[in-house]
């Protein structure tokens, strides 16, 4: 994976912004991360639709309930760890909208 990423041009490698100095508007950044989290959760949900449950240790209505919670947590953790770059773009757009509304 590292070798493949090294071959990519720098513009294709997403590096998340880190720290409070990078995001002076904490509410806007939280909103952008929530949006990315929901997007990633939706994408992960479709990934799990084709997974068969093991009858010995799984199945039933409880698994469906907890799987949706698990997928939601996957989305949140992916967004917190940098995600795929949607939060950065949304954050920039939120800041632009705030500036134009003043």
C-alpha atoms as a PDB file:
ATOM      1  CA  UNK A   1       0.000   0.000   0.000  1.00  0.00           C
ATOM      2  CA  UNK A   2       2.812   2.401   0.831  1.00  0.00           C
ATOM      3  CA  UNK A   3       4.540   1.690  -2.459  1.00  0.00           C
ATOM      4  CA  UNK A   4       1.310   2.349  -4.367  1.00  0.00           C
ATOM      5  CA  UNK A   5       0.759   5.624  -2.527  1.00  0.00           C
ATOM      6  CA  UNK A   6       4.337   6.703  -3.184  1.00  0.00           C
ATOM      7  CA  UNK A   7       3.686   6.326  -6.901  1.00  0.00           C
ATOM      8  CA  UNK A   8       0.689   8.680  -6.779  1.00  0.00           C
ATOM      9  CA  UNK A   9       1.130  12.383  -7.436  1.00  0.00           C
ATOM     10  CA  UNK A  10       0.866  14.447  -4.244  1.00  0.00           C
ATOM     11  CA  UNK A  11      -2.441  16.006  -5.374  1.00  0.00           C
ATOM     12  CA  UNK A  12      -4.134  12.578  -5.109  1.00  0.00           C
ATOM     13  CA  UNK A  13      -3.014  11.811  -1.554  1.00  0.00           C
ATOM     14  CA  UNK A  14      -5.426  13.147   1.063  1.00  0.00           C
ATOM     15  CA  UNK A  15      -3.793  14.467   4.205  1.00  0.00           C
ATOM     16  CA  UNK A  16      -6.331  15.725   6.757  1.00  0.00           C
ATOM     17  CA  UNK A  17      -5.960  19.042   8.464  1.00  0.00           C
ATOM     18  CA  UNK A  18      -5.048  18.557  12.115  1.00  0.00           C
ATOM     19  CA  UNK A  19      -5.406  20.611  15.280  1.00  0.00           C
ATOM     20  CA  UNK A  20      -7.422  23.598  16.427  1.00  0.00           C
ATOM     21  CA  UNK A  21      -5.226  26.075  14.532  1.00  0.00           C
ATOM     22  CA  UNK A  22      -6.195  24.446  11.240  1.00  0.00           C
ATOM     23  CA  UNK A  23      -9.911  24.784  12.098  1.00  0.00           C
ATOM     24  CA  UNK A  24     -10.647  28.059  13.872  1.00  0.00           C
ATOM     25  CA  UNK A  25     -14.418  27.552  13.540  1.00  0.00           C
ATOM     26  CA  UNK A  26     -15.008  24.407  15.611  1.00  0.00           C
ATOM     27  CA  UNK A  27     -18.769  24.267  14.941  1.00  0.00           C
ATOM     28  CA  UNK A  28     -18.269  24.421  11.186  1.00  0.00           C
ATOM     29  CA  UNK A  29     -15.595  21.716  11.346  1.00  0.00           C
ATOM     30  CA  UNK A  30     -17.844  19.470  13.480  1.00  0.00           C
ATOM     31  CA  UNK A  31     -20.669  19.925  10.972  1.00  0.00           C
ATOM     32  CA  UNK A  32     -18.374  19.073   8.068  1.00  0.00           C
ATOM     33  CA  UNK A  33     -17.121  15.964   9.862  1.00  0.00           C
ATOM     34  CA  UNK A  34     -20.697  14.909  10.657  1.00  0.00           C
ATOM     35  CA  UNK A  35     -21.566  15.206   6.968  1.00  0.00           C
ATOM     36  CA  UNK A  36     -18.574  13.091   5.943  1.00  0.00           C
ATOM     37  CA  UNK A  37     -19.369  10.581   8.685  1.00  0.00           C
ATOM     38  CA  UNK A  38     -22.926  10.150   7.380  1.00  0.00           C
ATOM     39  CA  UNK A  39     -21.658   9.760   3.811  1.00  0.00           C
ATOM     40  CA  UNK A  40     -19.099   7.128   4.820  1.00  0.00           C
ATOM     41  CA  UNK A  41     -21.682   5.286   6.929  1.00  0.00           C
ATOM     42  CA  UNK A  42     -24.025   5.118   3.952  1.00  0.00           C
ATOM     43  CA  UNK A  43     -21.247   3.770   1.757  1.00  0.00           C
ATOM     44  CA  UNK A  44     -20.265   1.180   4.391  1.00  0.00           C
ATOM     45  CA  UNK A  45     -23.902   0.127   4.813  1.00  0.00           C
ATOM     46  CA  UNK A  46     -24.099  -0.873   1.157  1.00  0.00           C
ATOM     47  CA  UNK A  47     -20.870  -2.824   1.604  1.00  0.00           C
ATOM     48  CA  UNK A  48     -22.405  -4.902   4.413  1.00  0.00           C
ATOM     49  CA  UNK A  49     -25.642  -5.701   2.550  1.00  0.00           C
ATOM     50  CA  UNK A  50     -24.033  -8.657   0.791  1.00  0.00           C
ATOM     51  CA  UNK A  51     -22.434 -10.147   3.909  1.00  0.00           C
ATOM     52  CA  UNK A  52     -24.044 -13.410   5.002  1.00  0.00           C
ATOM     53  CA  UNK A  53     -24.447 -14.009   8.737  1.00  0.00           C
ATOM     54  CA  UNK A  54     -23.057 -17.080  10.440  1.00  0.00           C
ATOM     55  CA  UNK A  55     -26.005 -19.071  11.789  1.00  0.00           C
ATOM     56  CA  UNK A  56     -23.975 -20.443  14.696  1.00  0.00           C
ATOM     57  CA  UNK A  57     -22.992 -17.106  16.226  1.00  0.00           C
ATOM     58  CA  UNK A  58     -25.143 -14.557  14.417  1.00  0.00           C
ATOM     59  CA  UNK A  59     -28.385 -13.679  12.768  1.00  0.00           C
ATOM     60  CA  UNK A  60     -31.709 -12.440  13.988  1.00  0.00           C
ATOM     61  CA  UNK A  61     -33.182  -8.981  14.480  1.00  0.00           C
ATOM     62  CA  UNK A  62     -30.595  -8.033  17.111  1.00  0.00           C
ATOM     63  CA  UNK A  63     -27.757  -8.368  14.640  1.00  0.00           C
ATOM     64  CA  UNK A  64     -29.489  -6.031  12.184  1.00  0.00           C
ATOM     65  CA  UNK A  65     -29.878  -3.423  14.909  1.00  0.00           C
ATOM     66  CA  UNK A  66     -26.315  -3.654  16.127  1.00  0.00           C
ATOM     67  CA  UNK A  67     -24.883  -3.826  12.603  1.00  0.00           C
ATOM     68  CA  UNK A  68     -26.433  -0.430  11.814  1.00  0.00           C
ATOM     69  CA  UNK A  69     -24.836   0.976  14.977  1.00  0.00           C
ATOM     70  CA  UNK A  70     -21.502  -0.592  14.037  1.00  0.00           C
ATOM     71  CA  UNK A  71     -21.630   0.883  10.542  1.00  0.00           C
ATOM     72  CA  UNK A  72     -22.416   4.311  12.005  1.00  0.00           C
ATOM     73  CA  UNK A  73     -19.372   4.044  14.274  1.00  0.00           C
ATOM     74  CA  UNK A  74     -17.222   2.977  11.318  1.00  0.00           C
ATOM     75  CA  UNK A  75     -18.279   6.146   9.501  1.00  0.00           C
ATOM     76  CA  UNK A  76     -17.509   8.337  12.496  1.00  0.00           C
ATOM     77  CA  UNK A  77     -14.081   6.808  13.037  1.00  0.00           C
ATOM     78  CA  UNK A  78     -13.179   7.047   9.351  1.00  0.00           C
ATOM     79  CA  UNK A  79     -14.169  10.722   9.311  1.00  0.00           C
ATOM     80  CA  UNK A  80     -12.169  11.452  12.505  1.00  0.00           C
ATOM     81  CA  UNK A  81      -9.059   9.785  11.117  1.00  0.00           C
ATOM     82  CA  UNK A  82      -9.043  11.888   7.966  1.00  0.00           C
ATOM     83  CA  UNK A  83     -11.790  10.344   5.892  1.00  0.00           C
ATOM     84  CA  UNK A  84     -11.678  10.826   2.153  1.00  0.00           C
ATOM     85  CA  UNK A  85     -11.481  14.605   2.058  1.00  0.00           C
ATOM     86  CA  UNK A  86     -15.155  15.514   1.998  1.00  0.00           C
ATOM     87  CA  UNK A  87     -15.022  17.253   5.395  1.00  0.00           C
ATOM     88  CA  UNK A  88     -12.207  19.544   4.254  1.00  0.00           C
ATOM     89  CA  UNK A  89     -14.189  20.637   1.194  1.00  0.00           C
ATOM     90  CA  UNK A  90     -17.438  21.067   3.125  1.00  0.00           C
ATOM     91  CA  UNK A  91     -15.617  23.069   5.808  1.00  0.00           C
ATOM     92  CA  UNK A  92     -14.233  25.419   3.164  1.00  0.00           C
ATOM     93  CA  UNK A  93     -17.679  25.871   1.641  1.00  0.00           C
ATOM     94  CA  UNK A  94     -19.240  26.582   5.044  1.00  0.00           C
ATOM     95  CA  UNK A  95     -16.629  29.272   5.698  1.00  0.00           C
ATOM     96  CA  UNK A  96     -17.297  30.809   2.249  1.00  0.00           C
ATOM     97  CA  UNK A  97     -21.039  30.881   2.939  1.00  0.00           C
ATOM     98  CA  UNK A  98     -20.439  32.510   6.318  1.00  0.00           C
ATOM     99  CA  UNK A  99     -18.318  35.224   4.707  1.00  0.00           C
ATOM    100  CA  UNK A 100     -20.851  35.988   1.983  1.00  0.00           C
ATOM    101  CA  UNK A 101     -23.736  36.168   4.475  1.00  0.00           C
ATOM    102  CA  UNK A 102     -22.027  38.909   6.526  1.00  0.00           C
END
